[in-house]
């Protein structure tokens, strides 16, 4: 995804963030601790289910460091919308 992208994965298996709230809480706590250690702007991301783009059936958190202009448009951001519109019009964004 981006330089410095890290996955936080619990050792115990749960399929996703809603299967076991206690495991989810422990995993996101560790993701937040790591995020505090690196001390930069970032995204903490997990997905639940294939319609939400979950492709690995095991809970994990993405810690994605961000910088201005890093070129990583997330699906709900204006950057993603601009890139999608440009692609529809055959223009590189």
C-alpha atoms as a PDB file:
ATOM      1  CA  UNK A   1       0.000   0.000   0.000  1.00  0.00           C
ATOM      2  CA  UNK A   2       2.511   2.573   1.236  1.00  0.00           C
ATOM      3  CA  UNK A   3       6.002   2.617   2.675  1.00  0.00           C
ATOM      4  CA  UNK A   4       5.777   1.570   6.309  1.00  0.00           C
ATOM      5  CA  UNK A   5       2.480  -0.325   5.875  1.00  0.00           C
ATOM      6  CA  UNK A   6       2.176  -2.906   8.678  1.00  0.00           C
ATOM      7  CA  UNK A   7      -0.410  -5.578   9.411  1.00  0.00           C
ATOM      8  CA  UNK A   8      -1.412  -6.309  13.002  1.00  0.00           C
ATOM      9  CA  UNK A   9      -2.705  -9.883  13.127  1.00  0.00           C
ATOM     10  CA  UNK A  10      -3.983 -11.675  16.227  1.00  0.00           C
ATOM     11  CA  UNK A  11      -2.557 -15.131  16.867  1.00  0.00           C
ATOM     12  CA  UNK A  12      -5.983 -16.559  17.663  1.00  0.00           C
ATOM     13  CA  UNK A  13      -8.168 -17.073  14.603  1.00  0.00           C
ATOM     14  CA  UNK A  14     -11.276 -14.983  14.162  1.00  0.00           C
ATOM     15  CA  UNK A  15     -12.695 -14.364  10.724  1.00  0.00           C
ATOM     16  CA  UNK A  16     -13.272 -10.634  11.096  1.00  0.00           C
ATOM     17  CA  UNK A  17     -13.696  -7.710  13.479  1.00  0.00           C
ATOM     18  CA  UNK A  18     -17.244  -8.612  14.514  1.00  0.00           C
ATOM     19  CA  UNK A  19     -16.719 -12.289  15.307  1.00  0.00           C
ATOM     20  CA  UNK A  20     -15.070 -11.753  18.702  1.00  0.00           C
ATOM     21  CA  UNK A  21     -15.090  -8.227  20.144  1.00  0.00           C
ATOM     22  CA  UNK A  22     -12.442  -9.100  22.756  1.00  0.00           C
ATOM     23  CA  UNK A  23      -9.932 -10.279  20.133  1.00  0.00           C
ATOM     24  CA  UNK A  24     -10.784  -7.266  17.980  1.00  0.00           C
ATOM     25  CA  UNK A  25     -10.202  -4.925  20.931  1.00  0.00           C
ATOM     26  CA  UNK A  26      -6.814  -6.486  21.693  1.00  0.00           C
ATOM     27  CA  UNK A  27      -5.734  -6.289  18.045  1.00  0.00           C
ATOM     28  CA  UNK A  28      -6.805  -2.675  17.552  1.00  0.00           C
ATOM     29  CA  UNK A  29      -5.186  -1.760  20.877  1.00  0.00           C
ATOM     30  CA  UNK A  30      -1.868  -3.117  19.567  1.00  0.00           C
ATOM     31  CA  UNK A  31      -2.376  -1.366  16.225  1.00  0.00           C
ATOM     32  CA  UNK A  32      -2.983   1.911  18.084  1.00  0.00           C
ATOM     33  CA  UNK A  33       0.100   1.372  20.246  1.00  0.00           C
ATOM     34  CA  UNK A  34       2.220   0.812  17.158  1.00  0.00           C
ATOM     35  CA  UNK A  35       0.664   3.856  15.489  1.00  0.00           C
ATOM     36  CA  UNK A  36       1.584   5.967  18.518  1.00  0.00           C
ATOM     37  CA  UNK A  37       5.155   4.647  18.332  1.00  0.00           C
ATOM     38  CA  UNK A  38       5.583   5.724  14.716  1.00  0.00           C
ATOM     39  CA  UNK A  39       3.874   9.045  15.437  1.00  0.00           C
ATOM     40  CA  UNK A  40       2.701  10.110  12.000  1.00  0.00           C
ATOM     41  CA  UNK A  41      -0.562  10.664  10.150  1.00  0.00           C
ATOM     42  CA  UNK A  42      -2.011   7.278   9.239  1.00  0.00           C
ATOM     43  CA  UNK A  43      -5.010   5.137   8.500  1.00  0.00           C
ATOM     44  CA  UNK A  44      -6.093   2.209  10.694  1.00  0.00           C
ATOM     45  CA  UNK A  45      -8.157  -0.079   8.484  1.00  0.00           C
ATOM     46  CA  UNK A  46      -9.978  -3.396   8.785  1.00  0.00           C
ATOM     47  CA  UNK A  47     -12.659  -4.865   6.538  1.00  0.00           C
ATOM     48  CA  UNK A  48     -15.593  -7.143   7.344  1.00  0.00           C
ATOM     49  CA  UNK A  49     -16.951  -9.313   4.532  1.00  0.00           C
ATOM     50  CA  UNK A  50     -16.350  -9.562   0.812  1.00  0.00           C
ATOM     51  CA  UNK A  51     -18.673  -6.666  -0.037  1.00  0.00           C
ATOM     52  CA  UNK A  52     -16.418  -4.502   2.152  1.00  0.00           C
ATOM     53  CA  UNK A  53     -13.327  -5.765   0.265  1.00  0.00           C
ATOM     54  CA  UNK A  54     -12.248  -8.324   2.893  1.00  0.00           C
ATOM     55  CA  UNK A  55     -10.179 -10.863   0.944  1.00  0.00           C
ATOM     56  CA  UNK A  56      -8.393 -12.634   3.824  1.00  0.00           C
ATOM     57  CA  UNK A  57     -10.759 -14.422   6.224  1.00  0.00           C
ATOM     58  CA  UNK A  58      -8.709 -13.615   9.331  1.00  0.00           C
ATOM     59  CA  UNK A  59      -8.958 -10.449  11.404  1.00  0.00           C
ATOM     60  CA  UNK A  60      -6.142  -8.016  10.726  1.00  0.00           C
ATOM     61  CA  UNK A  61      -5.585  -4.273  10.991  1.00  0.00           C
ATOM     62  CA  UNK A  62      -3.682  -2.279   8.404  1.00  0.00           C
ATOM     63  CA  UNK A  63      -1.537   0.525   9.831  1.00  0.00           C
ATOM     64  CA  UNK A  64      -0.878   2.752   6.822  1.00  0.00           C
ATOM     65  CA  UNK A  65       1.392   5.779   7.312  1.00  0.00           C
ATOM     66  CA  UNK A  66       0.284   8.719   5.184  1.00  0.00           C
ATOM     67  CA  UNK A  67       1.932  11.808   3.750  1.00  0.00           C
ATOM     68  CA  UNK A  68       0.523  14.624   1.661  1.00  0.00           C
ATOM     69  CA  UNK A  69       0.434  13.624  -1.990  1.00  0.00           C
ATOM     70  CA  UNK A  70       1.309   9.969  -1.338  1.00  0.00           C
ATOM     71  CA  UNK A  71      -1.033   8.909  -4.133  1.00  0.00           C
ATOM     72  CA  UNK A  72      -3.027   6.398  -2.090  1.00  0.00           C
ATOM     73  CA  UNK A  73      -6.704   7.235  -2.623  1.00  0.00           C
ATOM     74  CA  UNK A  74      -9.041   5.384  -0.286  1.00  0.00           C
ATOM     75  CA  UNK A  75     -12.529   4.591  -1.640  1.00  0.00           C
ATOM     76  CA  UNK A  76     -14.320   7.295   0.357  1.00  0.00           C
ATOM     77  CA  UNK A  77     -11.928  10.152  -0.337  1.00  0.00           C
ATOM     78  CA  UNK A  78     -12.081  12.964  -2.902  1.00  0.00           C
ATOM     79  CA  UNK A  79      -8.838  11.620  -4.404  1.00  0.00           C
ATOM     80  CA  UNK A  80     -10.505   8.309  -5.179  1.00  0.00           C
ATOM     81  CA  UNK A  81     -13.494  10.048  -6.734  1.00  0.00           C
ATOM     82  CA  UNK A  82     -11.227  12.185  -8.921  1.00  0.00           C
ATOM     83  CA  UNK A  83      -9.232   9.141 -10.029  1.00  0.00           C
ATOM     84  CA  UNK A  84     -12.401   7.171 -10.830  1.00  0.00           C
ATOM     85  CA  UNK A  85     -13.862  10.039 -12.877  1.00  0.00           C
ATOM     86  CA  UNK A  86     -10.598  10.487 -14.751  1.00  0.00           C
ATOM     87  CA  UNK A  87     -10.507   6.763 -15.544  1.00  0.00           C
ATOM     88  CA  UNK A  88     -14.085   6.896 -16.867  1.00  0.00           C
ATOM     89  CA  UNK A  89     -13.058   9.748 -19.154  1.00  0.00           C
ATOM     90  CA  UNK A  90      -9.876   8.007 -20.304  1.00  0.00           C
ATOM     91  CA  UNK A  91      -7.606  10.474 -18.488  1.00  0.00           C
ATOM     92  CA  UNK A  92      -4.752   9.568 -16.169  1.00  0.00           C
ATOM     93  CA  UNK A  93      -5.124  11.115 -12.687  1.00  0.00           C
END
